[in-house]
Amino acid sequence: FSFRLFPLRERGMNCRAKPLTCQEIQAFRNSKEVMDRFIRAYKLMLGFYGINLVNEETGELERAENWCERFENLNRFSHNNLRITRILKCLGEMGYEDYQVHLVKFFLTETLVEETLPNVKRSALDYFLFTVRSKEKRRELVHYAWQHFKPQSSFVWGPHDKLQKYR
């Protein structure tokens, strides 16, 4: 399901899903109809995860009304983490780097600050974080994760000396 909605240039778990070419990505990005469908698919998946897209311009997110029940599903079934990683990578391919940042920060906040998604924490740190294309935004997110990680001394996703000096 998600391989059809969120195609990538790399092979995924489904051997029937062909990787995208750079030309196909460019054709998608140049088609208003395709990009509108892409955003609809993104909203659909966010809804499944208990998340609402608040602002289509910025990619800002918030918990949906049914977040509690949907987060239970996220915590129970780790295969969702692979789908989320795929969605994040596809957002980058389709030119929605700001959406990537908001989705990763959402998961970092829910896992590290709110502690509502303990079984997603490892994927958020090991995979979601490193899908963000912008080096600067990725650094900001690593710093944010470091600030909220407990215990901070066990944080392994960036050098502590650089994180302490950041900004």
N, C-alpha and C. Protein backbone atom coordinates (compact mmCIF):
# COMPACT_ATOMS: atom_id res chain seq x y z
N PHE A 1 0.83 -1.20 0.00
CA PHE A 1 0.00 0.00 0.00
C PHE A 1 0.87 1.26 0.00
N SER A 2 1.75 1.41 0.99
CA SER A 2 2.53 2.64 1.06
C SER A 2 3.56 2.74 -0.07
N PHE A 3 4.00 1.58 -0.64
CA PHE A 3 4.97 1.64 -1.73
C PHE A 3 4.35 2.26 -2.97
N ARG A 4 3.03 2.13 -3.13
CA ARG A 4 2.37 2.73 -4.29
C ARG A 4 2.14 4.22 -4.07
N LEU A 5 1.84 4.59 -2.84
CA LEU A 5 1.58 6.00 -2.54
C LEU A 5 2.86 6.80 -2.37
N PHE A 6 3.93 6.13 -1.93
CA PHE A 6 5.17 6.82 -1.61
C PHE A 6 6.36 6.12 -2.27
N PRO A 7 6.44 6.24 -3.60
CA PRO A 7 7.52 5.56 -4.32
C PRO A 7 8.89 6.21 -4.05
N LEU A 8 9.94 5.40 -4.19
CA LEU A 8 11.31 5.87 -3.93
C LEU A 8 12.23 5.47 -5.07
N ARG A 9 13.44 6.00 -5.06
CA ARG A 9 14.47 5.63 -6.03
C ARG A 9 15.22 4.38 -5.59
N GLU A 10 14.86 3.82 -4.45
CA GLU A 10 15.55 2.63 -3.94
C GLU A 10 14.56 1.48 -3.81
N ARG A 11 15.08 0.29 -3.79
CA ARG A 11 14.23 -0.90 -3.58
C ARG A 11 13.78 -0.93 -2.13
N GLY A 12 12.54 -1.32 -1.92
CA GLY A 12 12.00 -1.45 -0.58
C GLY A 12 11.78 -2.91 -0.24
N MET A 13 10.89 -3.16 0.70
CA MET A 13 10.59 -4.51 1.14
C MET A 13 9.76 -5.27 0.09
N ASN A 14 9.03 -4.53 -0.73
CA ASN A 14 8.17 -5.16 -1.74
C ASN A 14 8.94 -5.29 -3.05
N CYS A 15 9.22 -6.51 -3.46
CA CYS A 15 10.00 -6.75 -4.67
C CYS A 15 9.24 -6.35 -5.95
N ARG A 16 7.93 -6.20 -5.86
CA ARG A 16 7.14 -5.81 -7.04
C ARG A 16 7.19 -4.30 -7.30
N ALA A 17 7.58 -3.52 -6.28
CA ALA A 17 7.64 -2.07 -6.43
C ALA A 17 8.94 -1.68 -7.13
N LYS A 18 8.81 -1.10 -8.32
CA LYS A 18 9.99 -0.69 -9.07
C LYS A 18 10.49 0.65 -8.53
N PRO A 19 11.81 0.79 -8.40
CA PRO A 19 12.35 2.08 -7.96
C PRO A 19 12.05 3.17 -9.00
N LEU A 20 11.84 4.38 -8.52
CA LEU A 20 11.61 5.52 -9.41
C LEU A 20 12.91 5.96 -10.07
N THR A 21 12.77 6.54 -11.24
CA THR A 21 13.92 7.17 -11.88
C THR A 21 13.88 8.66 -11.58
N CYS A 22 14.99 9.34 -11.79
CA CYS A 22 15.04 10.79 -11.58
C CYS A 22 14.07 11.51 -12.52
N GLN A 23 13.93 10.98 -13.74
CA GLN A 23 12.99 11.58 -14.71
C GLN A 23 11.55 11.45 -14.22
N GLU A 24 11.20 10.30 -13.65
CA GLU A 24 9.85 10.11 -13.13
C GLU A 24 9.58 11.06 -11.96
N ILE A 25 10.55 11.21 -11.10
CA ILE A 25 10.39 12.13 -9.96
C ILE A 25 10.14 13.54 -10.47
N GLN A 26 10.93 13.96 -11.46
CA GLN A 26 10.77 15.30 -12.02
C GLN A 26 9.39 15.46 -12.66
N ALA A 27 8.94 14.43 -13.36
CA ALA A 27 7.61 14.48 -13.98
C ALA A 27 6.52 14.59 -12.91
N PHE A 28 6.66 13.84 -11.82
CA PHE A 28 5.70 13.93 -10.71
C PHE A 28 5.69 15.34 -10.15
N ARG A 29 6.88 15.86 -9.88
CA ARG A 29 6.99 17.19 -9.25
C ARG A 29 6.43 18.29 -10.15
N ASN A 30 6.46 18.06 -11.44
CA ASN A 30 5.94 19.06 -12.40
C ASN A 30 4.45 18.94 -12.65
N SER A 31 3.80 17.92 -12.08
CA SER A 31 2.37 17.71 -12.30
C SER A 31 1.58 18.13 -11.06
N LYS A 32 0.77 19.17 -11.22
CA LYS A 32 -0.06 19.63 -10.10
C LYS A 32 -0.99 18.51 -9.63
N GLU A 33 -1.56 17.78 -10.57
CA GLU A 33 -2.48 16.69 -10.22
C GLU A 33 -1.78 15.62 -9.37
N VAL A 34 -0.59 15.22 -9.79
CA VAL A 34 0.16 14.20 -9.05
C VAL A 34 0.52 14.72 -7.66
N MET A 35 0.96 15.95 -7.58
CA MET A 35 1.37 16.50 -6.28
C MET A 35 0.16 16.69 -5.36
N ASP A 36 -0.99 17.05 -5.91
CA ASP A 36 -2.21 17.13 -5.10
C ASP A 36 -2.58 15.76 -4.54
N ARG A 37 -2.46 14.74 -5.38
CA ARG A 37 -2.73 13.37 -4.93
C ARG A 37 -1.73 12.93 -3.87
N PHE A 38 -0.48 13.34 -4.05
CA PHE A 38 0.56 13.00 -3.09
C PHE A 38 0.23 13.58 -1.71
N ILE A 39 -0.20 14.83 -1.68
CA ILE A 39 -0.56 15.47 -0.40
C ILE A 39 -1.79 14.79 0.19
N ARG A 40 -2.75 14.41 -0.64
CA ARG A 40 -3.92 13.66 -0.13
C ARG A 40 -3.48 12.34 0.49
N ALA A 41 -2.57 11.64 -0.17
CA ALA A 41 -2.06 10.37 0.36
C ALA A 41 -1.32 10.60 1.68
N TYR A 42 -0.55 11.67 1.74
CA TYR A 42 0.18 12.01 2.97
C TYR A 42 -0.80 12.26 4.13
N LYS A 43 -1.83 13.05 3.85
CA LYS A 43 -2.85 13.33 4.87
C LYS A 43 -3.56 12.04 5.32
N LEU A 44 -3.84 11.16 4.35
CA LEU A 44 -4.48 9.88 4.65
C LEU A 44 -3.62 9.07 5.63
N MET A 45 -2.33 8.96 5.34
CA MET A 45 -1.43 8.20 6.21
C MET A 45 -1.27 8.88 7.57
N LEU A 46 -1.16 10.20 7.57
CA LEU A 46 -1.08 10.92 8.85
C LEU A 46 -2.31 10.61 9.70
N GLY A 47 -3.48 10.64 9.07
CA GLY A 47 -4.72 10.34 9.79
C GLY A 47 -4.69 8.95 10.38
N PHE A 48 -4.15 8.00 9.62
CA PHE A 48 -4.02 6.62 10.12
C PHE A 48 -3.13 6.58 11.36
N TYR A 49 -2.14 7.46 11.41
CA TYR A 49 -1.21 7.49 12.55
C TYR A 49 -1.68 8.40 13.69
N GLY A 50 -2.82 9.08 13.50
CA GLY A 50 -3.34 9.96 14.55
C GLY A 50 -2.74 11.36 14.53
N ILE A 51 -2.43 11.82 13.33
CA ILE A 51 -1.77 13.12 13.15
C ILE A 51 -2.55 13.92 12.11
N ASN A 52 -2.66 15.23 12.31
CA ASN A 52 -3.29 16.13 11.34
C ASN A 52 -2.25 17.06 10.75
N LEU A 53 -2.38 17.30 9.45
CA LEU A 53 -1.59 18.33 8.78
C LEU A 53 -2.34 19.64 8.99
N VAL A 54 -1.77 20.54 9.77
CA VAL A 54 -2.42 21.80 10.14
C VAL A 54 -2.26 22.85 9.04
N ASN A 55 -1.08 22.84 8.40
CA ASN A 55 -0.78 23.89 7.43
C ASN A 55 -0.07 23.27 6.22
N GLU A 56 -0.73 23.28 5.07
CA GLU A 56 -0.14 22.69 3.86
C GLU A 56 1.03 23.50 3.34
N GLU A 57 1.10 24.77 3.68
CA GLU A 57 2.23 25.59 3.22
C GLU A 57 3.52 25.22 3.96
N THR A 58 3.40 25.03 5.28
CA THR A 58 4.58 24.82 6.11
C THR A 58 4.84 23.36 6.45
N GLY A 59 3.78 22.55 6.47
CA GLY A 59 3.91 21.15 6.89
C GLY A 59 3.68 20.96 8.37
N GLU A 60 3.23 22.00 9.05
CA GLU A 60 2.99 21.94 10.50
C GLU A 60 1.97 20.86 10.83
N LEU A 61 2.23 20.14 11.93
CA LEU A 61 1.39 19.01 12.34
C LEU A 61 0.89 19.16 13.77
N GLU A 62 -0.16 18.41 14.08
CA GLU A 62 -0.65 18.31 15.45
C GLU A 62 -1.30 16.94 15.63
N ARG A 63 -1.51 16.57 16.87
CA ARG A 63 -2.22 15.32 17.15
C ARG A 63 -3.66 15.43 16.65
N ALA A 64 -4.16 14.32 16.11
CA ALA A 64 -5.57 14.26 15.71
C ALA A 64 -6.41 13.93 16.94
N GLU A 65 -7.72 14.07 16.83
CA GLU A 65 -8.61 13.75 17.94
C GLU A 65 -8.46 12.31 18.41
N ASN A 66 -8.22 11.41 17.46
CA ASN A 66 -8.11 9.98 17.79
C ASN A 66 -6.67 9.55 18.07
N TRP A 67 -5.80 10.49 18.41
CA TRP A 67 -4.37 10.21 18.56
C TRP A 67 -4.07 9.09 19.56
N CYS A 68 -4.81 9.04 20.64
CA CYS A 68 -4.52 8.07 21.69
C CYS A 68 -4.64 6.64 21.16
N GLU A 69 -5.74 6.36 20.50
CA GLU A 69 -5.98 5.02 19.94
C GLU A 69 -4.99 4.72 18.81
N ARG A 70 -4.69 5.70 17.97
CA ARG A 70 -3.78 5.49 16.84
C ARG A 70 -2.34 5.31 17.33
N PHE A 71 -1.96 6.04 18.40
CA PHE A 71 -0.61 5.89 18.94
C PHE A 71 -0.43 4.50 19.53
N GLU A 72 -1.51 3.92 20.07
CA GLU A 72 -1.45 2.54 20.57
C GLU A 72 -1.04 1.61 19.44
N ASN A 73 -1.63 1.81 18.28
CA ASN A 73 -1.31 1.03 17.09
C ASN A 73 0.16 1.22 16.70
N LEU A 74 0.62 2.46 16.71
CA LEU A 74 2.02 2.74 16.38
C LEU A 74 2.97 2.05 17.35
N ASN A 75 2.63 2.05 18.62
CA ASN A 75 3.47 1.43 19.64
C ASN A 75 3.46 -0.10 19.52
N ARG A 76 2.34 -0.65 19.10
CA ARG A 76 2.19 -2.09 19.06
C ARG A 76 2.83 -2.73 17.83
N PHE A 77 2.76 -2.06 16.68
CA PHE A 77 3.20 -2.66 15.42
C PHE A 77 4.38 -1.91 14.81
N SER A 78 5.55 -2.49 14.93
CA SER A 78 6.77 -1.80 14.48
C SER A 78 6.88 -1.67 12.96
N HIS A 79 6.09 -2.44 12.19
CA HIS A 79 6.16 -2.31 10.73
C HIS A 79 5.76 -0.89 10.29
N ASN A 80 5.00 -0.19 11.13
CA ASN A 80 4.65 1.19 10.81
C ASN A 80 5.89 2.07 10.70
N ASN A 81 6.92 1.75 11.46
CA ASN A 81 8.15 2.56 11.43
C ASN A 81 8.82 2.51 10.06
N LEU A 82 8.76 1.35 9.40
CA LEU A 82 9.29 1.25 8.04
C LEU A 82 8.49 2.12 7.08
N ARG A 83 7.18 2.12 7.25
CA ARG A 83 6.33 2.95 6.38
C ARG A 83 6.60 4.43 6.60
N ILE A 84 6.78 4.81 7.86
CA ILE A 84 7.05 6.22 8.17
C ILE A 84 8.39 6.63 7.57
N THR A 85 9.39 5.76 7.67
CA THR A 85 10.70 6.06 7.05
C THR A 85 10.53 6.24 5.55
N ARG A 86 9.75 5.38 4.92
CA ARG A 86 9.50 5.48 3.48
C ARG A 86 8.80 6.80 3.15
N ILE A 87 7.80 7.16 3.93
CA ILE A 87 7.08 8.42 3.70
C ILE A 87 8.04 9.60 3.82
N LEU A 88 8.89 9.59 4.84
CA LEU A 88 9.86 10.67 5.03
C LEU A 88 10.81 10.78 3.85
N LYS A 89 11.31 9.66 3.37
CA LYS A 89 12.22 9.68 2.21
C LYS A 89 11.49 10.21 0.98
N CYS A 90 10.26 9.78 0.79
CA CYS A 90 9.48 10.22 -0.37
C CYS A 90 9.18 11.72 -0.29
N LEU A 91 8.90 12.22 0.90
CA LEU A 91 8.69 13.67 1.06
C LEU A 91 9.91 14.44 0.55
N GLY A 92 11.09 13.94 0.87
CA GLY A 92 12.32 14.58 0.39
C GLY A 92 12.44 14.51 -1.13
N GLU A 93 12.13 13.35 -1.70
CA GLU A 93 12.20 13.18 -3.16
C GLU A 93 11.25 14.14 -3.88
N MET A 94 10.08 14.35 -3.29
CA MET A 94 9.05 15.16 -3.94
C MET A 94 9.18 16.65 -3.64
N GLY A 95 10.22 17.03 -2.92
CA GLY A 95 10.47 18.45 -2.68
C GLY A 95 9.80 19.00 -1.43
N TYR A 96 9.36 18.13 -0.55
CA TYR A 96 8.70 18.56 0.69
C TYR A 96 9.63 18.41 1.88
N GLU A 97 10.82 19.03 1.79
CA GLU A 97 11.80 18.92 2.87
C GLU A 97 11.27 19.52 4.18
N ASP A 98 10.49 20.60 4.09
CA ASP A 98 9.92 21.20 5.31
C ASP A 98 8.95 20.23 5.99
N TYR A 99 8.22 19.47 5.19
CA TYR A 99 7.31 18.46 5.74
C TYR A 99 8.11 17.40 6.50
N GLN A 100 9.26 17.01 5.93
CA GLN A 100 10.13 16.05 6.62
C GLN A 100 10.48 16.55 8.02
N VAL A 101 10.92 17.79 8.10
CA VAL A 101 11.36 18.38 9.37
C VAL A 101 10.22 18.34 10.38
N HIS A 102 9.03 18.75 9.97
CA HIS A 102 7.89 18.77 10.89
C HIS A 102 7.51 17.37 11.36
N LEU A 103 7.55 16.39 10.45
CA LEU A 103 7.18 15.03 10.83
C LEU A 103 8.21 14.41 11.78
N VAL A 104 9.48 14.63 11.49
CA VAL A 104 10.52 14.11 12.39
C VAL A 104 10.43 14.78 13.75
N LYS A 105 10.26 16.11 13.77
CA LYS A 105 10.16 16.80 15.06
C LYS A 105 8.93 16.34 15.83
N PHE A 106 7.84 16.08 15.12
CA PHE A 106 6.63 15.56 15.77
C PHE A 106 6.96 14.26 16.50
N PHE A 107 7.63 13.34 15.80
CA PHE A 107 7.96 12.06 16.43
C PHE A 107 9.01 12.20 17.53
N LEU A 108 9.95 13.10 17.38
CA LEU A 108 10.93 13.32 18.46
C LEU A 108 10.22 13.87 19.69
N THR A 109 9.29 14.77 19.48
CA THR A 109 8.54 15.35 20.61
C THR A 109 7.70 14.28 21.29
N GLU A 110 6.99 13.49 20.51
CA GLU A 110 6.13 12.45 21.09
C GLU A 110 6.94 11.36 21.79
N THR A 111 8.13 11.06 21.28
CA THR A 111 8.93 9.99 21.89
C THR A 111 9.77 10.48 23.06
N LEU A 112 10.40 11.63 22.92
CA LEU A 112 11.36 12.10 23.92
C LEU A 112 10.77 13.05 24.95
N VAL A 113 9.83 13.89 24.54
CA VAL A 113 9.27 14.89 25.44
C VAL A 113 7.98 14.37 26.08
N GLU A 114 7.01 14.02 25.24
CA GLU A 114 5.71 13.55 25.74
C GLU A 114 5.75 12.09 26.20
N GLU A 115 6.69 11.34 25.65
CA GLU A 115 6.87 9.92 25.98
C GLU A 115 5.61 9.08 25.70
N THR A 116 4.89 9.45 24.64
CA THR A 116 3.68 8.73 24.25
C THR A 116 3.96 7.58 23.29
N LEU A 117 5.13 7.59 22.66
CA LEU A 117 5.46 6.57 21.65
C LEU A 117 6.81 5.91 21.97
N PRO A 118 6.90 5.22 23.10
CA PRO A 118 8.19 4.64 23.48
C PRO A 118 8.74 3.63 22.48
N ASN A 119 7.86 2.90 21.79
CA ASN A 119 8.33 1.89 20.84
C ASN A 119 8.69 2.46 19.47
N VAL A 120 8.53 3.76 19.31
CA VAL A 120 8.90 4.43 18.06
C VAL A 120 10.21 5.20 18.25
N LYS A 121 10.62 5.38 19.49
CA LYS A 121 11.78 6.22 19.81
C LYS A 121 13.04 5.80 19.05
N ARG A 122 13.34 4.52 19.05
CA ARG A 122 14.56 4.06 18.40
C ARG A 122 14.54 4.34 16.89
N SER A 123 13.39 4.10 16.24
CA SER A 123 13.28 4.39 14.81
C SER A 123 13.38 5.90 14.54
N ALA A 124 12.77 6.69 15.41
CA ALA A 124 12.82 8.15 15.24
C ALA A 124 14.28 8.63 15.27
N LEU A 125 15.06 8.06 16.18
CA LEU A 125 16.45 8.47 16.32
C LEU A 125 17.37 7.82 15.27
N ASP A 126 17.19 6.55 15.01
CA ASP A 126 18.08 5.83 14.10
C ASP A 126 17.77 6.07 12.62
N TYR A 127 16.50 6.27 12.29
CA TYR A 127 16.11 6.34 10.88
C TYR A 127 15.43 7.64 10.49
N PHE A 128 14.34 8.00 11.19
CA PHE A 128 13.56 9.18 10.79
C PHE A 128 14.46 10.42 10.70
N LEU A 129 15.25 10.62 11.73
CA LEU A 129 16.13 11.79 11.84
C LEU A 129 17.04 11.94 10.63
N PHE A 130 17.55 10.83 10.12
CA PHE A 130 18.55 10.89 9.06
C PHE A 130 17.95 10.83 7.66
N THR A 131 16.63 10.92 7.56
CA THR A 131 16.00 11.07 6.25
C THR A 131 15.93 12.55 5.85
N VAL A 132 16.10 13.45 6.82
CA VAL A 132 15.97 14.89 6.56
C VAL A 132 17.12 15.32 5.65
N ARG A 133 16.78 15.87 4.51
CA ARG A 133 17.77 16.22 3.49
C ARG A 133 18.62 17.43 3.87
N SER A 134 18.00 18.43 4.48
CA SER A 134 18.74 19.64 4.82
C SER A 134 19.69 19.35 5.98
N LYS A 135 20.99 19.52 5.71
CA LYS A 135 22.00 19.27 6.74
C LYS A 135 21.78 20.18 7.95
N GLU A 136 21.45 21.44 7.68
CA GLU A 136 21.22 22.41 8.75
C GLU A 136 20.01 22.01 9.62
N LYS A 137 18.91 21.65 8.96
CA LYS A 137 17.70 21.24 9.69
C LYS A 137 17.95 19.93 10.44
N ARG A 138 18.70 19.02 9.83
CA ARG A 138 19.02 17.76 10.49
C ARG A 138 19.84 18.02 11.75
N ARG A 139 20.80 18.94 11.67
CA ARG A 139 21.59 19.31 12.86
C ARG A 139 20.70 19.87 13.95
N GLU A 140 19.75 20.73 13.56
CA GLU A 140 18.82 21.31 14.54
C GLU A 140 18.02 20.21 15.22
N LEU A 141 17.57 19.23 14.43
CA LEU A 141 16.78 18.14 14.99
C LEU A 141 17.62 17.23 15.89
N VAL A 142 18.87 16.98 15.52
CA VAL A 142 19.76 16.19 16.37
C VAL A 142 19.98 16.93 17.70
N HIS A 143 20.16 18.24 17.62
CA HIS A 143 20.32 19.05 18.84
C HIS A 143 19.07 18.99 19.70
N TYR A 144 17.91 19.12 19.07
CA TYR A 144 16.63 19.03 19.78
C TYR A 144 16.51 17.67 20.48
N ALA A 145 16.86 16.60 19.75
CA ALA A 145 16.79 15.25 20.33
C ALA A 145 17.75 15.14 21.51
N TRP A 146 18.95 15.64 21.34
CA TRP A 146 19.96 15.60 22.42
C TRP A 146 19.46 16.35 23.66
N GLN A 147 18.84 17.50 23.46
CA GLN A 147 18.32 18.29 24.58
C GLN A 147 17.29 17.53 25.40
N HIS A 148 16.52 16.68 24.73
CA HIS A 148 15.41 15.99 25.40
C HIS A 148 15.67 14.52 25.71
N PHE A 149 16.80 14.01 25.28
CA PHE A 149 17.12 12.61 25.50
C PHE A 149 17.55 12.38 26.96
N LYS A 150 17.05 11.29 27.54
CA LYS A 150 17.41 10.96 28.92
C LYS A 150 17.95 9.54 28.99
N PRO A 151 19.09 9.31 29.61
CA PRO A 151 20.05 10.32 30.10
C PRO A 151 20.88 10.87 28.93
N GLN A 152 21.14 12.14 28.98
CA GLN A 152 21.85 12.83 27.90
C GLN A 152 23.23 12.19 27.63
N SER A 153 23.84 11.67 28.67
CA SER A 153 25.18 11.06 28.52
C SER A 153 25.15 9.81 27.63
N SER A 154 23.97 9.22 27.43
CA SER A 154 23.85 8.02 26.58
C SER A 154 23.46 8.35 25.14
N PHE A 155 23.37 9.61 24.82
CA PHE A 155 23.00 10.03 23.46
C PHE A 155 24.15 9.71 22.49
N VAL A 156 23.87 8.92 21.45
CA VAL A 156 24.92 8.48 20.53
C VAL A 156 24.74 8.99 19.10
N TRP A 157 23.82 9.90 18.88
CA TRP A 157 23.51 10.36 17.52
C TRP A 157 24.23 11.63 17.13
N GLY A 158 25.15 12.07 17.94
CA GLY A 158 25.95 13.24 17.62
C GLY A 158 26.99 13.46 18.70
N PRO A 159 28.11 14.14 18.35
CA PRO A 159 29.18 14.38 19.33
C PRO A 159 28.74 15.38 20.40
N HIS A 160 28.86 15.00 21.64
CA HIS A 160 28.38 15.82 22.76
C HIS A 160 29.07 17.19 22.79
N ASP A 161 30.37 17.24 22.52
CA ASP A 161 31.07 18.53 22.56
C ASP A 161 30.49 19.51 21.54
N LYS A 162 30.17 19.03 20.34
CA LYS A 162 29.57 19.90 19.32
C LYS A 162 28.13 20.25 19.67
N LEU A 163 27.40 19.31 20.25
CA LEU A 163 26.01 19.57 20.63
C LEU A 163 25.94 20.61 21.74
N GLN A 164 26.88 20.59 22.66
CA GLN A 164 26.91 21.57 23.75
C GLN A 164 27.17 22.98 23.21
N LYS A 165 27.95 23.09 22.15
CA LYS A 165 28.32 24.40 21.59
C LYS A 165 27.33 24.88 20.53
N TYR A 166 26.39 24.01 20.14
CA TYR A 166 25.50 24.31 19.02
C TYR A 166 24.75 25.61 19.24
N ARG A 167 24.71 26.44 18.24
CA ARG A 167 24.06 27.76 18.16
C ARG A 167 24.89 28.76 18.82
